[in-house]
Amino acid sequence: MVRLYGVPGCGPCEIVKLFLAQQGIPYLFVDVRKDEAAARRVAELLGSPTAGVVLEWEGRVEAIRGVSPARLHAWLAHYRAKEA
C-alpha cells in the first residue's frame, strides 16, 4: 500500500489520488496537518510540510513537486519496478 502525504483540498494531492485510483494502486492518505510526525517527515524531504506531495511504499519515499502526467508516470515506473 502507498502512503500519500498531503493536505486535504490540495490540488496536486487530489490529482495524485485520482491517478493512484485509476492505476488500481491502493493508498492511504495521510493529512500532514493532523499528523505531526508525518508533517516533520515531509518537511525533512521537502523543506516544508506543504511544499509537495510525498509517496511512500515498501520502504521507498519519493517527493513530487510540480505534479504532471510525465512525473506521475515516472513515479509509476519506479513503483512497478519494485513490484517485479
N, C-alpha and C. Protein backbone atom coordinates (compact mmCIF):
# COMPACT_ATOMS: atom_id res chain seq x y z
N MET A 1 0.84 -1.18 0.00
CA MET A 1 0.00 0.00 0.00
C MET A 1 0.88 1.24 0.00
N VAL A 2 0.45 2.25 -0.72
CA VAL A 2 1.16 3.52 -0.80
C VAL A 2 0.58 4.47 0.23
N ARG A 3 1.47 5.15 0.95
CA ARG A 3 1.05 6.23 1.85
C ARG A 3 1.26 7.53 1.09
N LEU A 4 0.21 8.31 0.98
CA LEU A 4 0.24 9.59 0.29
C LEU A 4 0.14 10.69 1.33
N TYR A 5 1.20 11.47 1.48
CA TYR A 5 1.24 12.55 2.45
C TYR A 5 0.85 13.85 1.77
N GLY A 6 -0.09 14.58 2.34
CA GLY A 6 -0.52 15.84 1.77
C GLY A 6 -1.51 16.54 2.68
N VAL A 7 -2.21 17.51 2.11
CA VAL A 7 -3.24 18.23 2.86
C VAL A 7 -4.56 18.15 2.10
N PRO A 8 -5.67 18.04 2.83
CA PRO A 8 -6.97 17.97 2.16
C PRO A 8 -7.22 19.21 1.31
N GLY A 9 -7.80 18.99 0.15
CA GLY A 9 -8.14 20.08 -0.74
C GLY A 9 -6.99 20.57 -1.60
N CYS A 10 -5.82 20.03 -1.40
CA CYS A 10 -4.64 20.40 -2.19
C CYS A 10 -4.84 19.86 -3.61
N GLY A 11 -4.76 20.73 -4.61
CA GLY A 11 -4.96 20.32 -6.00
C GLY A 11 -4.04 19.20 -6.43
N PRO A 12 -2.71 19.34 -6.23
CA PRO A 12 -1.81 18.26 -6.61
C PRO A 12 -2.11 16.95 -5.88
N CYS A 13 -2.48 17.05 -4.61
CA CYS A 13 -2.82 15.84 -3.84
C CYS A 13 -4.02 15.13 -4.45
N GLU A 14 -5.02 15.91 -4.84
CA GLU A 14 -6.22 15.34 -5.44
C GLU A 14 -5.89 14.67 -6.78
N ILE A 15 -5.00 15.28 -7.54
CA ILE A 15 -4.58 14.69 -8.82
C ILE A 15 -3.88 13.36 -8.58
N VAL A 16 -3.00 13.32 -7.57
CA VAL A 16 -2.28 12.08 -7.27
C VAL A 16 -3.26 11.00 -6.79
N LYS A 17 -4.22 11.37 -5.95
CA LYS A 17 -5.24 10.40 -5.51
C LYS A 17 -5.97 9.80 -6.71
N LEU A 18 -6.38 10.66 -7.61
CA LEU A 18 -7.10 10.20 -8.81
C LEU A 18 -6.22 9.28 -9.64
N PHE A 19 -4.96 9.66 -9.82
CA PHE A 19 -4.02 8.85 -10.60
C PHE A 19 -3.86 7.47 -9.96
N LEU A 20 -3.65 7.43 -8.65
CA LEU A 20 -3.49 6.14 -7.97
C LEU A 20 -4.74 5.27 -8.13
N ALA A 21 -5.90 5.89 -7.98
CA ALA A 21 -7.16 5.15 -8.14
C ALA A 21 -7.29 4.61 -9.56
N GLN A 22 -6.96 5.42 -10.54
CA GLN A 22 -7.06 4.99 -11.94
C GLN A 22 -6.11 3.83 -12.24
N GLN A 23 -4.98 3.82 -11.56
CA GLN A 23 -3.98 2.76 -11.78
C GLN A 23 -4.27 1.52 -10.92
N GLY A 24 -5.30 1.61 -10.08
CA GLY A 24 -5.65 0.47 -9.21
C GLY A 24 -4.65 0.26 -8.08
N ILE A 25 -3.99 1.34 -7.66
CA ILE A 25 -2.98 1.25 -6.60
C ILE A 25 -3.63 1.64 -5.28
N PRO A 26 -3.66 0.73 -4.32
CA PRO A 26 -4.24 1.07 -3.02
C PRO A 26 -3.36 2.09 -2.30
N TYR A 27 -4.02 3.06 -1.66
CA TYR A 27 -3.26 4.08 -0.95
C TYR A 27 -3.99 4.51 0.32
N LEU A 28 -3.21 5.09 1.22
CA LEU A 28 -3.73 5.67 2.45
C LEU A 28 -3.31 7.13 2.44
N PHE A 29 -4.28 8.04 2.52
CA PHE A 29 -3.97 9.46 2.56
C PHE A 29 -3.65 9.87 3.99
N VAL A 30 -2.50 10.53 4.17
CA VAL A 30 -2.07 10.99 5.49
C VAL A 30 -2.10 12.52 5.48
N ASP A 31 -2.96 13.08 6.30
CA ASP A 31 -3.11 14.53 6.40
C ASP A 31 -1.99 15.08 7.27
N VAL A 32 -1.05 15.80 6.67
CA VAL A 32 0.09 16.32 7.43
C VAL A 32 -0.30 17.45 8.37
N ARG A 33 -1.49 17.98 8.24
CA ARG A 33 -1.95 18.99 9.18
C ARG A 33 -2.41 18.36 10.49
N LYS A 34 -2.79 17.10 10.45
CA LYS A 34 -3.28 16.41 11.64
C LYS A 34 -2.26 15.44 12.23
N ASP A 35 -1.26 15.07 11.47
CA ASP A 35 -0.26 14.09 11.91
C ASP A 35 1.10 14.79 11.98
N GLU A 36 1.51 15.15 13.21
CA GLU A 36 2.74 15.92 13.40
C GLU A 36 3.98 15.16 12.93
N ALA A 37 4.02 13.87 13.17
CA ALA A 37 5.18 13.08 12.74
C ALA A 37 5.26 13.07 11.21
N ALA A 38 4.13 12.95 10.55
CA ALA A 38 4.11 12.97 9.09
C ALA A 38 4.53 14.33 8.57
N ALA A 39 4.09 15.40 9.22
CA ALA A 39 4.48 16.75 8.80
C ALA A 39 5.99 16.94 8.92
N ARG A 40 6.58 16.42 9.99
CA ARG A 40 8.03 16.52 10.15
C ARG A 40 8.75 15.74 9.06
N ARG A 41 8.24 14.56 8.76
CA ARG A 41 8.86 13.72 7.71
C ARG A 41 8.82 14.43 6.36
N VAL A 42 7.69 14.99 6.01
CA VAL A 42 7.56 15.69 4.74
C VAL A 42 8.45 16.93 4.74
N ALA A 43 8.50 17.66 5.85
CA ALA A 43 9.35 18.84 5.93
C ALA A 43 10.82 18.47 5.75
N GLU A 44 11.24 17.32 6.29
CA GLU A 44 12.61 16.87 6.11
C GLU A 44 12.92 16.63 4.62
N LEU A 45 11.95 16.08 3.90
CA LEU A 45 12.15 15.77 2.49
C LEU A 45 12.03 16.99 1.58
N LEU A 46 11.12 17.89 1.92
CA LEU A 46 10.80 19.00 1.02
C LEU A 46 11.15 20.38 1.55
N GLY A 47 11.50 20.47 2.82
CA GLY A 47 11.77 21.77 3.41
C GLY A 47 10.53 22.42 4.01
N SER A 48 9.38 21.89 3.72
CA SER A 48 8.10 22.41 4.23
C SER A 48 7.08 21.28 4.18
N PRO A 49 6.18 21.22 5.16
CA PRO A 49 5.18 20.14 5.11
C PRO A 49 4.14 20.32 4.02
N THR A 50 4.15 21.46 3.33
CA THR A 50 3.15 21.68 2.29
C THR A 50 3.79 22.04 0.95
N ALA A 51 5.04 21.66 0.73
CA ALA A 51 5.76 22.03 -0.49
C ALA A 51 5.60 21.04 -1.63
N GLY A 52 4.87 19.98 -1.42
CA GLY A 52 4.69 18.98 -2.47
C GLY A 52 3.96 17.77 -1.94
N VAL A 53 3.91 16.76 -2.75
CA VAL A 53 3.23 15.51 -2.41
C VAL A 53 4.32 14.45 -2.18
N VAL A 54 4.17 13.68 -1.11
CA VAL A 54 5.14 12.63 -0.83
C VAL A 54 4.43 11.29 -0.88
N LEU A 55 5.06 10.35 -1.60
CA LEU A 55 4.55 8.99 -1.70
C LEU A 55 5.56 8.07 -1.02
N GLU A 56 5.05 7.16 -0.21
CA GLU A 56 5.92 6.20 0.49
C GLU A 56 5.34 4.81 0.28
N TRP A 57 6.21 3.87 -0.09
CA TRP A 57 5.78 2.48 -0.30
C TRP A 57 6.98 1.57 -0.13
N GLU A 58 6.77 0.47 0.52
CA GLU A 58 7.78 -0.58 0.70
C GLU A 58 9.16 -0.03 1.03
N GLY A 59 9.21 0.91 1.97
CA GLY A 59 10.49 1.45 2.39
C GLY A 59 11.06 2.52 1.49
N ARG A 60 10.38 2.84 0.42
CA ARG A 60 10.84 3.89 -0.50
C ARG A 60 10.00 5.14 -0.31
N VAL A 61 10.62 6.28 -0.53
CA VAL A 61 9.93 7.56 -0.41
C VAL A 61 10.28 8.40 -1.63
N GLU A 62 9.26 9.01 -2.20
CA GLU A 62 9.51 9.90 -3.34
C GLU A 62 8.66 11.15 -3.18
N ALA A 63 9.31 12.29 -3.32
CA ALA A 63 8.62 13.58 -3.25
C ALA A 63 8.31 14.03 -4.67
N ILE A 64 7.11 14.52 -4.84
CA ILE A 64 6.69 15.03 -6.15
C ILE A 64 6.35 16.51 -6.00
N ARG A 65 7.13 17.32 -6.66
CA ARG A 65 6.83 18.75 -6.76
C ARG A 65 6.46 19.00 -8.21
N GLY A 66 5.45 19.79 -8.42
CA GLY A 66 5.04 20.03 -9.80
C GLY A 66 4.43 18.78 -10.42
N VAL A 67 3.30 18.35 -9.90
CA VAL A 67 2.62 17.15 -10.39
C VAL A 67 2.27 17.34 -11.87
N SER A 68 2.66 16.38 -12.67
CA SER A 68 2.35 16.39 -14.10
C SER A 68 2.19 14.94 -14.55
N PRO A 69 1.56 14.71 -15.69
CA PRO A 69 1.44 13.33 -16.18
C PRO A 69 2.80 12.65 -16.31
N ALA A 70 3.79 13.37 -16.84
CA ALA A 70 5.12 12.77 -17.01
C ALA A 70 5.72 12.38 -15.66
N ARG A 71 5.58 13.24 -14.68
CA ARG A 71 6.14 12.97 -13.35
C ARG A 71 5.42 11.79 -12.69
N LEU A 72 4.11 11.73 -12.84
CA LEU A 72 3.35 10.62 -12.26
C LEU A 72 3.70 9.30 -12.93
N HIS A 73 3.87 9.31 -14.22
CA HIS A 73 4.22 8.07 -14.92
C HIS A 73 5.64 7.63 -14.60
N ALA A 74 6.53 8.60 -14.35
CA ALA A 74 7.89 8.25 -13.92
C ALA A 74 7.83 7.58 -12.55
N TRP A 75 7.00 8.13 -11.64
CA TRP A 75 6.84 7.51 -10.33
C TRP A 75 6.27 6.10 -10.49
N LEU A 76 5.27 5.96 -11.36
CA LEU A 76 4.63 4.67 -11.57
C LEU A 76 5.64 3.63 -12.04
N ALA A 77 6.56 4.02 -12.89
CA ALA A 77 7.61 3.11 -13.35
C ALA A 77 8.47 2.64 -12.17
N HIS A 78 8.81 3.56 -11.26
CA HIS A 78 9.58 3.19 -10.06
C HIS A 78 8.77 2.23 -9.18
N TYR A 79 7.50 2.54 -9.03
CA TYR A 79 6.61 1.70 -8.20
C TYR A 79 6.51 0.29 -8.79
N ARG A 80 6.26 0.21 -10.08
CA ARG A 80 6.11 -1.11 -10.71
C ARG A 80 7.41 -1.87 -10.77
N ALA A 81 8.53 -1.20 -10.89
CA ALA A 81 9.84 -1.87 -10.90
C ALA A 81 10.07 -2.55 -9.55
N LYS A 82 9.61 -1.94 -8.50
CA LYS A 82 9.76 -2.53 -7.16
C LYS A 82 8.89 -3.78 -7.02
N GLU A 83 7.73 -3.78 -7.72
CA GLU A 83 6.83 -4.94 -7.66
C GLU A 83 7.44 -6.16 -8.34
N ALA A 84 8.20 -5.94 -9.41
CA ALA A 84 8.72 -7.04 -10.24
C ALA A 84 9.80 -7.84 -9.53
